[in-house]
Amino acid sequence: MFAREIRNVIACEGSDRLERHESFEKWRKLMEQGGFRCMGITEREMLQSQFLLKMYAGENYNVKKQGQDGAAALTLGWMDQPLYTVSAWTPVDVAGSSSSFSQPS
């Protein structure tokens, strides 16, 4: 499913590299500035991801926690190269009363 993208991230540099990924910390700042807060990753999600990795991935793949306190996101990596990071977010103000976006009337 992601073979082409993963190969591009790992093997290509310069003009050959099509995928340009930002760090989780950069995304975190953008999301927080946009009025969201990180829901965090529980030990249950970490255990599930490690279980799936053992079932379906070859050696050299790993799952690591990212972010403050190491519990904001999970990153799938190959050797020392991060491939994909997942995280969960929710609006800071669900009702929208302090949001900078206007609500429909």
C-alpha atoms as a PDB file:
ATOM      1  CA  MET A   1       0.000   0.000   0.000  1.00  0.00           C
ATOM      2  CA  PHE A   2       2.712   2.510   0.938  1.00  0.00           C
ATOM      3  CA  ALA A   3       5.659   0.711  -0.689  1.00  0.00           C
ATOM      4  CA  ARG A   4       6.433   3.449  -3.237  1.00  0.00           C
ATOM      5  CA  GLU A   5       6.246   6.231  -0.639  1.00  0.00           C
ATOM      6  CA  ILE A   6       8.366   4.332   1.895  1.00  0.00           C
ATOM      7  CA  ARG A   7      10.983   3.457  -0.731  1.00  0.00           C
ATOM      8  CA  ASN A   8      11.124   7.126  -1.775  1.00  0.00           C
ATOM      9  CA  VAL A   9      11.644   8.317   1.820  1.00  0.00           C
ATOM     10  CA  ILE A  10      14.364   5.744   2.545  1.00  0.00           C
ATOM     11  CA  ALA A  11      16.283   5.487  -0.723  1.00  0.00           C
ATOM     12  CA  CYS A  12      16.002   8.850  -2.483  1.00  0.00           C
ATOM     13  CA  GLU A  13      17.563  12.237  -1.848  1.00  0.00           C
ATOM     14  CA  GLY A  14      17.699  15.568  -3.653  1.00  0.00           C
ATOM     15  CA  SER A  15      15.519  15.980  -6.745  1.00  0.00           C
ATOM     16  CA  ASP A  16      14.765  12.219  -6.805  1.00  0.00           C
ATOM     17  CA  ARG A  17      12.930  12.446  -3.488  1.00  0.00           C
ATOM     18  CA  LEU A  18       9.234  13.142  -4.036  1.00  0.00           C
ATOM     19  CA  GLU A  19       8.007  12.732  -0.470  1.00  0.00           C
ATOM     20  CA  ARG A  20       8.884  15.604   1.890  1.00  0.00           C
ATOM     21  CA  HIS A  21       7.815  14.959   5.430  1.00  0.00           C
ATOM     22  CA  GLU A  22       7.667  17.393   8.330  1.00  0.00           C
ATOM     23  CA  SER A  23       8.565  16.480  11.883  1.00  0.00           C
ATOM     24  CA  PHE A  24       5.842  15.627  14.369  1.00  0.00           C
ATOM     25  CA  GLU A  25       6.824  18.648  16.476  1.00  0.00           C
ATOM     26  CA  LYS A  26       6.195  20.978  13.512  1.00  0.00           C
ATOM     27  CA  TRP A  27       2.762  19.405  12.914  1.00  0.00           C
ATOM     28  CA  ARG A  28       2.036  19.587  16.635  1.00  0.00           C
ATOM     29  CA  LYS A  29       2.691  23.347  16.692  1.00  0.00           C
ATOM     30  CA  LEU A  30       0.504  23.874  13.614  1.00  0.00           C
ATOM     31  CA  MET A  31      -2.366  21.856  15.088  1.00  0.00           C
ATOM     32  CA  GLU A  32      -2.166  23.640  18.447  1.00  0.00           C
ATOM     33  CA  GLN A  33      -2.110  27.032  16.699  1.00  0.00           C
ATOM     34  CA  GLY A  34      -5.192  25.888  14.780  1.00  0.00           C
ATOM     35  CA  GLY A  35      -7.159  25.305  17.983  1.00  0.00           C
ATOM     36  CA  PHE A  36      -6.617  21.583  18.521  1.00  0.00           C
ATOM     37  CA  ARG A  37      -5.093  19.598  21.354  1.00  0.00           C
ATOM     38  CA  CYS A  38      -3.401  16.234  21.157  1.00  0.00           C
ATOM     39  CA  MET A  39      -5.404  13.372  22.655  1.00  0.00           C
ATOM     40  CA  GLY A  40      -2.289  11.319  23.313  1.00  0.00           C
ATOM     41  CA  ILE A  41      -1.456   7.668  22.854  1.00  0.00           C
ATOM     42  CA  THR A  42      -2.264   5.131  25.542  1.00  0.00           C
ATOM     43  CA  GLU A  43      -0.301   2.037  26.432  1.00  0.00           C
ATOM     44  CA  ARG A  44      -3.064   0.010  24.740  1.00  0.00           C
ATOM     45  CA  GLU A  45      -2.399   1.641  21.344  1.00  0.00           C
ATOM     46  CA  MET A  46       1.335   1.128  21.784  1.00  0.00           C
ATOM     47  CA  LEU A  47       0.880  -2.581  22.552  1.00  0.00           C
ATOM     48  CA  GLN A  48      -1.504  -3.025  19.595  1.00  0.00           C
ATOM     49  CA  SER A  49       0.945  -1.380  17.209  1.00  0.00           C
ATOM     50  CA  GLN A  50       3.841  -3.534  18.441  1.00  0.00           C
ATOM     51  CA  PHE A  51       1.689  -6.659  18.072  1.00  0.00           C
ATOM     52  CA  LEU A  52       0.723  -5.774  14.477  1.00  0.00           C
ATOM     53  CA  LEU A  53       4.314  -4.936  13.631  1.00  0.00           C
ATOM     54  CA  LYS A  54       5.477  -8.353  14.839  1.00  0.00           C
ATOM     55  CA  MET A  55       2.744 -10.054  12.795  1.00  0.00           C
ATOM     56  CA  TYR A  56       3.221  -8.251   9.467  1.00  0.00           C
ATOM     57  CA  ALA A  57       6.600  -6.493   9.270  1.00  0.00           C
ATOM     58  CA  GLY A  58      10.103  -7.710   8.665  1.00  0.00           C
ATOM     59  CA  GLU A  59      13.003  -7.036  10.964  1.00  0.00           C
ATOM     60  CA  ASN A  60      14.425  -3.510  11.233  1.00  0.00           C
ATOM     61  CA  TYR A  61      10.949  -1.947  11.575  1.00  0.00           C
ATOM     62  CA  ASN A  62      10.047  -0.289  14.864  1.00  0.00           C
ATOM     63  CA  VAL A  63       7.336   1.731  16.594  1.00  0.00           C
ATOM     64  CA  LYS A  64       8.271   4.596  18.899  1.00  0.00           C
ATOM     65  CA  LYS A  65       6.326   7.100  20.955  1.00  0.00           C
ATOM     66  CA  GLN A  66       6.797  10.752  19.997  1.00  0.00           C
ATOM     67  CA  GLY A  67       6.128  14.109  21.598  1.00  0.00           C
ATOM     68  CA  GLN A  68       6.199  15.546  25.062  1.00  0.00           C
ATOM     69  CA  ASP A  69       6.267  12.842  27.718  1.00  0.00           C
ATOM     70  CA  GLY A  70       6.625  10.349  24.848  1.00  0.00           C
ATOM     71  CA  ALA A  71       2.884   9.801  24.624  1.00  0.00           C
ATOM     72  CA  ALA A  72       1.557  12.131  21.930  1.00  0.00           C
ATOM     73  CA  ALA A  73       2.003  10.033  18.775  1.00  0.00           C
ATOM     74  CA  LEU A  74       3.313   6.754  17.390  1.00  0.00           C
ATOM     75  CA  THR A  75       5.957   6.692  14.674  1.00  0.00           C
ATOM     76  CA  LEU A  76       6.560   3.708  12.402  1.00  0.00           C
ATOM     77  CA  GLY A  77      10.207   3.582  11.414  1.00  0.00           C
ATOM     78  CA  TRP A  78      12.661   1.495   9.493  1.00  0.00           C
ATOM     79  CA  MET A  79      16.065   1.361  11.147  1.00  0.00           C
ATOM     80  CA  ASP A  80      16.656   5.009  12.151  1.00  0.00           C
ATOM     81  CA  GLN A  81      14.368   6.512   9.483  1.00  0.00           C
ATOM     82  CA  PRO A  82      10.861   7.612  10.560  1.00  0.00           C
ATOM     83  CA  LEU A  83       8.261   6.622   7.948  1.00  0.00           C
ATOM     84  CA  TYR A  84       4.809   7.561   9.257  1.00  0.00           C
ATOM     85  CA  THR A  85       3.517   9.152  12.433  1.00  0.00           C
ATOM     86  CA  VAL A  86      -0.059   8.880  13.693  1.00  0.00           C
ATOM     87  CA  SER A  87      -1.742  10.990  16.346  1.00  0.00           C
ATOM     88  CA  ALA A  88      -5.258  11.885  17.508  1.00  0.00           C
ATOM     89  CA  TRP A  89      -6.534  15.460  17.911  1.00  0.00           C
ATOM     90  CA  THR A  90      -9.665  17.172  19.209  1.00  0.00           C
ATOM     91  CA  PRO A  91     -10.816  20.806  19.102  1.00  0.00           C
ATOM     92  CA  VAL A  92      -9.854  22.753  22.226  1.00  0.00           C
ATOM     93  CA  ASP A  93     -13.302  24.355  22.315  1.00  0.00           C
ATOM     94  CA  VAL A  94     -15.889  21.930  20.956  1.00  0.00           C
ATOM     95  CA  ALA A  95     -18.734  24.479  21.174  1.00  0.00           C
ATOM     96  CA  GLY A  96     -16.794  26.955  19.058  1.00  0.00           C
ATOM     97  CA  SER A  97     -17.425  29.938  21.344  1.00  0.00           C
ATOM     98  CA  SER A  98     -13.752  30.941  21.483  1.00  0.00           C
ATOM     99  CA  SER A  99     -12.788  29.692  18.047  1.00  0.00           C
ATOM    100  CA  SER A 100     -11.520  32.084  15.390  1.00  0.00           C
ATOM    101  CA  PHE A 101     -13.795  30.371  12.862  1.00  0.00           C
ATOM    102  CA  SER A 102     -17.373  31.590  12.580  1.00  0.00           C
ATOM    103  CA  GLN A 103     -20.170  29.101  13.111  1.00  0.00           C
ATOM    104  CA  PRO A 104     -23.050  28.919  10.593  1.00  0.00           C
ATOM    105  CA  SER A 105     -26.257  30.629  11.732  1.00  0.00           C
END
